Amino acid sequence: MRRGSRRTLQDHAYGVLRARAPRMRAAVLRAQAAAWAELRMWPHETEAWIHALGADGAPVAAACLRLGIGLAAMDIVLDGQSTSRRLRGGETPTSVQARAAALGIPLPN
C-alpha cells in the first residue's frame, strides 16, 4: 500500500522533529526525517513512533516492526520499565521481545 510520497512523508517527519527538538541542527533533522520517511508509515503513526522512541529512533522502530513489536507494545511495562523506555535506553528490540516472552507478556503487533 502506498502511503504517500517519500518527500511528503519526509516533510511531515521534519516538522514533527523540529517541533520536538527546536535547537537541533537542520542537517541532523533532515537526516532523521529521511530515516523516518524510509519506513513509509502513515503520518500519525510516524508521530506516535517519534514520541515513543525519540527523534533518532527510526532504526529501532524499523527493527520493532520487523519483529512484530507494534506501537501498542510501547506502553507495556516489563520489569518496571515501559517497552519504549527500554528501547530508548539502548535495549535491543530482540532483547525486549525475549524479556516479554520470559515474563509471559505478549507484545501486540
Protein backbone atom coordinates (compact mmCIF):
# COMPACT_ATOMS: atom_id res chain seq x y z
CA MET A 1 0.00 0.00 0.00
CA ARG A 2 1.34 3.38 -0.94
CA ARG A 3 1.20 5.78 1.98
CA GLY A 4 2.19 9.00 0.28
CA SER A 5 5.30 10.15 -1.46
CA ARG A 6 8.58 9.82 0.38
CA ARG A 7 9.09 13.58 0.06
CA THR A 8 5.74 14.33 1.72
CA LEU A 9 6.48 11.85 4.49
CA GLN A 10 9.93 13.35 4.98
CA ASP A 11 8.48 16.88 5.16
CA HIS A 12 5.95 15.75 7.76
CA ALA A 13 8.59 13.97 9.83
CA TYR A 14 10.84 17.03 9.60
CA GLY A 15 8.05 19.21 11.01
CA VAL A 16 7.39 16.81 13.88
CA LEU A 17 11.08 16.51 14.69
CA ARG A 18 11.62 20.26 14.52
CA ALA A 19 8.76 20.83 16.96
CA ARG A 20 10.21 18.26 19.38
CA ALA A 21 13.83 19.42 19.06
CA PRO A 22 13.83 23.09 18.01
CA ARG A 23 17.55 23.53 18.74
CA MET A 24 18.70 20.60 16.65
CA ARG A 25 20.68 21.46 13.53
CA ALA A 26 18.74 21.42 10.27
CA ALA A 27 21.12 18.89 8.67
CA VAL A 28 20.56 16.45 11.54
CA LEU A 29 16.81 16.99 11.37
CA ARG A 30 16.81 16.33 7.62
CA ALA A 31 18.77 13.09 8.05
CA GLN A 32 16.47 11.87 10.79
CA ALA A 33 13.38 12.87 8.81
CA ALA A 34 14.70 10.90 5.84
CA ALA A 35 15.20 7.84 8.05
CA TRP A 36 11.62 8.09 9.34
CA ALA A 37 10.28 8.59 5.79
CA GLU A 38 12.00 5.38 4.69
CA LEU A 39 9.66 3.45 6.99
CA ARG A 40 6.71 4.55 4.81
CA MET A 41 4.26 4.83 7.71
CA TRP A 42 1.17 6.98 7.85
CA PRO A 43 1.97 10.45 9.25
CA HIS A 44 0.09 9.88 12.52
CA GLU A 45 1.99 6.59 13.01
CA THR A 46 5.28 8.36 12.42
CA GLU A 47 4.39 10.97 15.04
CA ALA A 48 3.48 8.29 17.57
CA TRP A 49 6.70 6.32 16.96
CA ILE A 50 8.79 9.51 17.27
CA HIS A 51 7.02 10.26 20.54
CA ALA A 52 7.69 6.71 21.77
CA LEU A 53 11.31 6.31 20.65
CA GLY A 54 12.66 9.80 20.16
CA ALA A 55 13.93 11.70 17.15
CA ASP A 56 16.69 9.19 16.37
CA GLY A 57 14.55 6.10 16.86
CA ALA A 58 13.79 5.23 13.22
CA PRO A 59 16.21 2.27 13.09
CA VAL A 60 14.76 0.90 16.34
CA ALA A 61 11.21 1.37 15.03
CA ALA A 62 12.15 -0.49 11.84
CA ALA A 63 13.57 -3.39 13.87
CA CYS A 64 10.47 -3.47 16.07
CA LEU A 65 8.19 -3.62 13.05
CA ARG A 66 10.27 -6.42 11.50
CA LEU A 67 9.95 -8.41 14.76
CA GLY A 68 6.23 -7.78 15.10
CA ILE A 69 6.51 -5.36 18.02
CA GLY A 70 3.90 -2.74 17.32
CA LEU A 71 3.24 0.72 18.61
CA ALA A 72 0.68 -0.68 21.05
CA ALA A 73 3.52 -2.50 22.82
CA MET A 74 5.38 0.69 23.72
CA ASP A 75 3.38 1.31 26.92
CA ILE A 76 3.63 -2.25 28.24
CA VAL A 77 5.70 -2.43 31.41
CA LEU A 78 8.39 -5.11 31.60
CA ASP A 79 10.25 -5.46 34.89
CA GLY A 80 9.28 -1.96 35.99
CA GLN A 81 10.03 -0.06 32.76
CA SER A 82 7.89 0.58 29.72
CA THR A 83 8.93 -1.01 26.46
CA SER A 84 9.57 2.38 24.88
CA ARG A 85 11.79 3.46 27.77
CA ARG A 86 13.81 0.25 27.48
CA LEU A 87 14.25 0.79 23.74
CA ARG A 88 15.19 4.46 24.17
CA GLY A 89 17.69 3.36 26.81
CA GLY A 90 19.50 1.11 24.36
CA GLU A 91 17.94 -2.30 24.93
CA THR A 92 17.52 -4.04 21.59
CA PRO A 93 14.09 -4.96 20.25
CA THR A 94 15.15 -8.63 20.31
CA SER A 95 16.05 -8.36 23.99
CA VAL A 96 12.75 -6.64 24.78
CA GLN A 97 10.91 -9.38 22.91
CA ALA A 98 12.80 -12.10 24.83
CA ARG A 99 12.16 -10.35 28.16
CA ALA A 100 8.44 -10.14 27.40
CA ALA A 101 8.34 -13.82 26.40
CA ALA A 102 10.15 -14.83 29.61
CA LEU A 103 7.58 -12.89 31.62
CA GLY A 104 4.71 -14.38 29.64
CA ILE A 105 3.61 -10.95 28.38
CA PRO A 106 2.60 -10.74 24.72
CA LEU A 107 3.76 -7.68 22.80
CA PRO A 108 0.98 -6.59 20.45
CA ASN A 109 1.72 -6.03 16.81
